[in-house]
Amino acid sequence: MVFELTDIEKEMLKRALESFEEEVRYERVRTDDRELKAILHNDEDIIKKILEKVSLS
């Protein structure tokens, strides 16, 4: 899937993803549940990959 974003839309998407990444990281650090920790770590990795793609375009 390909879609185009304006510069303003890209910046807003980056800010939203960065905020979401912080929330996921906070929850990952706070939980003792190993399974949930692994899921959240994976989510964090995916968010970082998306952020890289948004930053490069």
N, C-alpha and C. Protein backbone atom coordinates (compact mmCIF):
# COMPACT_ATOMS: atom_id res chain seq x y z
N MET A 1 0.85 -1.17 0.00
CA MET A 1 0.00 0.00 0.00
C MET A 1 0.90 1.24 0.00
N VAL A 2 0.56 2.18 -0.83
CA VAL A 2 1.31 3.43 -0.93
C VAL A 2 0.33 4.58 -0.76
N PHE A 3 0.71 5.54 0.06
CA PHE A 3 -0.08 6.75 0.17
C PHE A 3 0.85 7.92 0.38
N GLU A 4 0.39 9.08 -0.05
CA GLU A 4 1.21 10.28 0.04
C GLU A 4 0.70 11.17 1.16
N LEU A 5 1.65 11.80 1.84
CA LEU A 5 1.32 12.71 2.92
C LEU A 5 1.98 14.06 2.67
N THR A 6 1.31 15.11 3.07
CA THR A 6 1.93 16.43 3.00
C THR A 6 2.98 16.50 4.11
N ASP A 7 3.82 17.51 4.07
CA ASP A 7 4.84 17.67 5.11
C ASP A 7 4.20 17.83 6.49
N ILE A 8 3.10 18.56 6.54
CA ILE A 8 2.40 18.76 7.82
C ILE A 8 1.83 17.43 8.32
N GLU A 9 1.26 16.64 7.43
CA GLU A 9 0.71 15.33 7.81
C GLU A 9 1.83 14.40 8.29
N LYS A 10 2.97 14.43 7.62
CA LYS A 10 4.11 13.61 8.03
C LYS A 10 4.56 13.98 9.43
N GLU A 11 4.65 15.28 9.69
CA GLU A 11 5.10 15.74 11.00
C GLU A 11 4.11 15.33 12.09
N MET A 12 2.82 15.44 11.81
CA MET A 12 1.81 15.04 12.78
C MET A 12 1.86 13.54 13.03
N LEU A 13 2.04 12.77 11.98
CA LEU A 13 2.15 11.32 12.11
C LEU A 13 3.37 10.95 12.94
N LYS A 14 4.50 11.61 12.68
CA LYS A 14 5.71 11.36 13.46
C LYS A 14 5.50 11.65 14.93
N ARG A 15 4.85 12.78 15.24
CA ARG A 15 4.60 13.14 16.64
C ARG A 15 3.67 12.13 17.30
N ALA A 16 2.66 11.69 16.59
CA ALA A 16 1.72 10.72 17.15
C ALA A 16 2.43 9.39 17.41
N LEU A 17 3.25 8.95 16.47
CA LEU A 17 3.99 7.70 16.64
C LEU A 17 5.00 7.79 17.77
N GLU A 18 5.68 8.92 17.88
CA GLU A 18 6.65 9.10 18.96
C GLU A 18 5.95 9.06 20.33
N SER A 19 4.80 9.69 20.40
CA SER A 19 4.02 9.67 21.64
C SER A 19 3.57 8.25 21.98
N PHE A 20 3.09 7.54 20.97
CA PHE A 20 2.64 6.16 21.17
C PHE A 20 3.81 5.27 21.57
N GLU A 21 4.97 5.51 20.96
CA GLU A 21 6.17 4.74 21.30
C GLU A 21 6.53 4.94 22.78
N GLU A 22 6.43 6.17 23.26
CA GLU A 22 6.72 6.45 24.67
C GLU A 22 5.75 5.70 25.59
N GLU A 23 4.47 5.68 25.21
CA GLU A 23 3.48 4.98 26.01
C GLU A 23 3.76 3.48 26.06
N VAL A 24 4.09 2.91 24.91
CA VAL A 24 4.39 1.47 24.83
C VAL A 24 5.63 1.15 25.66
N ARG A 25 6.66 1.98 25.56
CA ARG A 25 7.88 1.76 26.32
C ARG A 25 7.60 1.84 27.82
N TYR A 26 6.80 2.81 28.22
CA TYR A 26 6.45 2.98 29.63
C TYR A 26 5.72 1.73 30.15
N GLU A 27 4.77 1.24 29.39
CA GLU A 27 4.02 0.04 29.80
C GLU A 27 4.93 -1.19 29.84
N ARG A 28 5.84 -1.29 28.86
CA ARG A 28 6.76 -2.44 28.81
C ARG A 28 7.64 -2.47 30.04
N VAL A 29 8.15 -1.31 30.43
CA VAL A 29 9.04 -1.22 31.59
C VAL A 29 8.29 -1.55 32.88
N ARG A 30 7.04 -1.16 32.96
CA ARG A 30 6.27 -1.33 34.19
C ARG A 30 5.72 -2.74 34.39
N THR A 31 5.55 -3.51 33.33
CA THR A 31 4.92 -4.81 33.48
C THR A 31 5.92 -5.90 33.90
N ASP A 32 5.43 -6.84 34.66
CA ASP A 32 6.22 -8.00 35.03
C ASP A 32 5.87 -9.23 34.19
N ASP A 33 4.81 -9.11 33.42
CA ASP A 33 4.33 -10.21 32.57
C ASP A 33 5.26 -10.36 31.37
N ARG A 34 5.99 -11.47 31.33
CA ARG A 34 6.98 -11.67 30.26
C ARG A 34 6.35 -11.69 28.88
N GLU A 35 5.18 -12.31 28.76
CA GLU A 35 4.52 -12.39 27.46
C GLU A 35 4.10 -11.00 26.99
N LEU A 36 3.52 -10.23 27.88
CA LEU A 36 3.12 -8.87 27.53
C LEU A 36 4.34 -8.02 27.22
N LYS A 37 5.40 -8.20 27.97
CA LYS A 37 6.65 -7.46 27.74
C LYS A 37 7.17 -7.73 26.33
N ALA A 38 7.11 -9.00 25.90
CA ALA A 38 7.57 -9.36 24.56
C ALA A 38 6.68 -8.73 23.48
N ILE A 39 5.38 -8.74 23.71
CA ILE A 39 4.45 -8.13 22.75
C ILE A 39 4.72 -6.63 22.64
N LEU A 40 4.89 -5.97 23.76
CA LEU A 40 5.14 -4.54 23.76
C LEU A 40 6.48 -4.20 23.12
N HIS A 41 7.47 -5.05 23.34
CA HIS A 41 8.78 -4.84 22.72
C HIS A 41 8.65 -4.94 21.19
N ASN A 42 7.89 -5.92 20.74
CA ASN A 42 7.65 -6.08 19.31
C ASN A 42 6.91 -4.86 18.76
N ASP A 43 5.90 -4.39 19.48
CA ASP A 43 5.17 -3.20 19.06
C ASP A 43 6.11 -2.01 18.94
N GLU A 44 7.00 -1.87 19.90
CA GLU A 44 7.97 -0.78 19.89
C GLU A 44 8.87 -0.85 18.65
N ASP A 45 9.31 -2.04 18.31
CA ASP A 45 10.15 -2.23 17.11
C ASP A 45 9.39 -1.82 15.84
N ILE A 46 8.13 -2.20 15.76
CA ILE A 46 7.31 -1.87 14.59
C ILE A 46 7.13 -0.36 14.49
N ILE A 47 6.86 0.28 15.60
CA ILE A 47 6.69 1.74 15.61
C ILE A 47 7.97 2.41 15.12
N LYS A 48 9.13 1.93 15.58
CA LYS A 48 10.41 2.51 15.15
C LYS A 48 10.61 2.36 13.65
N LYS A 49 10.23 1.21 13.10
CA LYS A 49 10.37 0.99 11.65
C LYS A 49 9.47 1.93 10.87
N ILE A 50 8.25 2.13 11.35
CA ILE A 50 7.34 3.05 10.68
C ILE A 50 7.88 4.47 10.76
N LEU A 51 8.40 4.85 11.92
CA LEU A 51 8.98 6.19 12.08
C LEU A 51 10.14 6.41 11.11
N GLU A 52 10.96 5.38 10.92
CA GLU A 52 12.07 5.49 9.97
C GLU A 52 11.55 5.75 8.56
N LYS A 53 10.50 5.03 8.18
CA LYS A 53 9.93 5.18 6.84
C LYS A 53 9.33 6.58 6.66
N VAL A 54 8.65 7.06 7.67
CA VAL A 54 8.05 8.40 7.59
C VAL A 54 9.14 9.47 7.52
N SER A 55 10.22 9.26 8.25
CA SER A 55 11.30 10.24 8.29
C SER A 55 12.08 10.28 6.98
N LEU A 56 12.15 9.17 6.29
CA LEU A 56 12.90 9.11 5.03
C LEU A 56 12.13 9.68 3.85
N SER A 57 10.82 9.69 3.95
CA SER A 57 10.04 10.13 2.77
C SER A 57 9.88 11.63 2.71
